[in-house]
Amino acid sequence: MREMMEEEGKIDRHEKLQGGMPDIDETLINFCIEQLWEFIENDSSAVLQWCKGTIVGVKKDNKVHIKWDKESLRDGDPEITQEKLLVTKWNKHNVRGWQRA
């Protein structure tokens, strides 16, 4: 997980380089994205991980189809999922936060 500590707390080191949030429309097709997910390990500990993928479709209500990079998939995970890109989660270091890859 790419992160560093600052006075405000944990942030992704690329957070300040993201710029403004893109419009969630067809212009996002082929947009490389990272989304922060929480995974539960076998010992019940929670681990945050940025997962990379490419937007391959845009639906209504800020929903997109993401084709996940192989490195981001675990055994049994679907290669493409539908995710809602919340405006309040743009460039945030919290679960379901999203940003440019």
Protein backbone atom coordinates (compact mmCIF):
# COMPACT_ATOMS: atom_id res chain seq x y z
CA MET A 1 0.00 0.00 0.00
CA ARG A 2 1.48 3.32 -1.10
CA GLU A 3 1.08 5.68 1.79
CA MET A 4 2.99 8.06 4.01
CA MET A 5 2.34 9.90 7.22
CA GLU A 6 1.65 13.63 7.33
CA GLU A 7 0.34 15.88 10.06
CA GLU A 8 -3.25 15.26 8.95
CA GLY A 9 -2.78 11.48 9.10
CA LYS A 10 -2.39 8.78 6.48
CA ILE A 11 -2.63 9.78 2.83
CA ASP A 12 -1.70 8.18 -0.45
CA ARG A 13 1.52 9.79 -1.65
CA HIS A 14 -0.11 10.57 -5.01
CA GLU A 15 -3.20 12.11 -3.43
CA LYS A 16 -2.07 15.71 -3.92
CA LEU A 17 -1.24 15.07 -7.59
CA GLN A 18 -4.72 13.87 -8.57
CA GLY A 19 -6.22 17.18 -9.64
CA GLY A 20 -9.95 17.64 -9.97
CA MET A 21 -12.43 14.80 -10.06
CA PRO A 22 -13.29 13.68 -13.58
CA ASP A 23 -16.89 13.65 -14.78
CA ILE A 24 -18.48 10.23 -14.35
CA ASP A 25 -19.60 9.69 -17.92
CA GLU A 26 -18.52 7.89 -21.10
CA THR A 27 -15.24 9.84 -21.15
CA LEU A 28 -14.11 7.55 -18.30
CA ILE A 29 -14.02 4.49 -20.57
CA ASN A 30 -10.40 3.23 -20.65
CA PHE A 31 -9.64 5.41 -17.58
CA CYS A 32 -7.16 3.66 -15.28
CA ILE A 33 -8.44 3.70 -11.71
CA GLU A 34 -7.41 2.65 -8.23
CA GLN A 35 -9.98 1.87 -5.57
CA LEU A 36 -9.20 1.21 -1.92
CA TRP A 37 -10.62 -2.03 -0.57
CA GLU A 38 -10.61 -3.67 2.82
CA PHE A 39 -9.76 -7.37 2.87
CA ILE A 40 -10.12 -9.67 5.86
CA GLU A 41 -7.18 -12.03 6.31
CA ASN A 42 -7.36 -15.60 7.64
CA ASP A 43 -6.38 -14.32 11.10
CA SER A 44 -9.38 -11.90 10.99
CA SER A 45 -7.18 -8.81 10.61
CA ALA A 46 -8.31 -6.14 8.17
CA VAL A 47 -5.91 -5.02 5.43
CA LEU A 48 -6.40 -2.01 3.16
CA GLN A 49 -5.19 -2.39 -0.43
CA TRP A 50 -5.35 -0.15 -3.49
CA CYS A 51 -6.65 -2.25 -6.39
CA LYS A 52 -6.03 -1.18 -9.99
CA GLY A 53 -8.32 -1.57 -12.94
CA THR A 54 -9.68 0.01 -16.10
CA ILE A 55 -13.19 1.38 -16.57
CA VAL A 56 -14.79 -0.55 -19.43
CA GLY A 57 -18.37 0.70 -19.14
CA VAL A 58 -20.39 3.54 -17.62
CA LYS A 59 -23.94 3.08 -16.31
CA LYS A 60 -26.45 5.41 -14.62
CA ASP A 61 -26.08 6.90 -11.14
CA ASN A 62 -22.25 7.01 -11.12
CA LYS A 63 -21.97 3.24 -11.65
CA VAL A 64 -19.16 1.90 -13.78
CA HIS A 65 -17.85 -1.49 -14.85
CA ILE A 66 -14.23 -2.02 -13.88
CA LYS A 67 -11.96 -4.67 -15.36
CA TRP A 68 -9.47 -5.37 -12.57
CA ASP A 69 -5.77 -5.90 -13.22
CA LYS A 70 -4.65 -9.47 -12.58
CA GLU A 71 -2.44 -8.29 -9.69
CA SER A 72 -5.54 -6.95 -7.91
CA LEU A 73 -7.58 -10.14 -8.16
CA ARG A 74 -7.70 -12.84 -5.52
CA ASP A 75 -8.71 -16.44 -6.22
CA GLY A 76 -12.39 -16.52 -7.16
CA ASP A 77 -12.77 -12.75 -7.70
CA PRO A 78 -14.66 -11.72 -10.84
CA GLU A 79 -12.51 -10.00 -13.47
CA ILE A 80 -15.15 -7.28 -14.06
CA THR A 81 -17.38 -5.76 -11.38
CA GLN A 82 -19.90 -2.93 -11.21
CA GLU A 83 -18.93 -0.24 -8.73
CA LYS A 84 -20.53 3.05 -7.69
CA LEU A 85 -17.99 5.87 -7.76
CA LEU A 86 -19.09 8.14 -4.96
CA VAL A 87 -18.23 11.80 -5.37
CA THR A 88 -17.51 11.96 -1.63
CA LYS A 89 -14.88 9.22 -2.03
CA TRP A 90 -12.86 10.90 -4.82
CA ASN A 91 -9.18 10.95 -3.90
CA LYS A 92 -9.85 9.81 -0.33
CA HIS A 93 -7.82 7.33 1.68
CA ASN A 94 -10.79 5.33 2.97
CA VAL A 95 -12.63 2.20 1.90
CA ARG A 96 -14.07 2.59 -1.63
CA GLY A 97 -11.98 5.74 -2.13
CA TRP A 98 -10.97 6.09 -5.77
CA GLN A 99 -8.43 7.96 -7.86
CA ARG A 100 -6.46 7.85 -11.10
CA ALA A 101 -4.02 4.97 -11.30
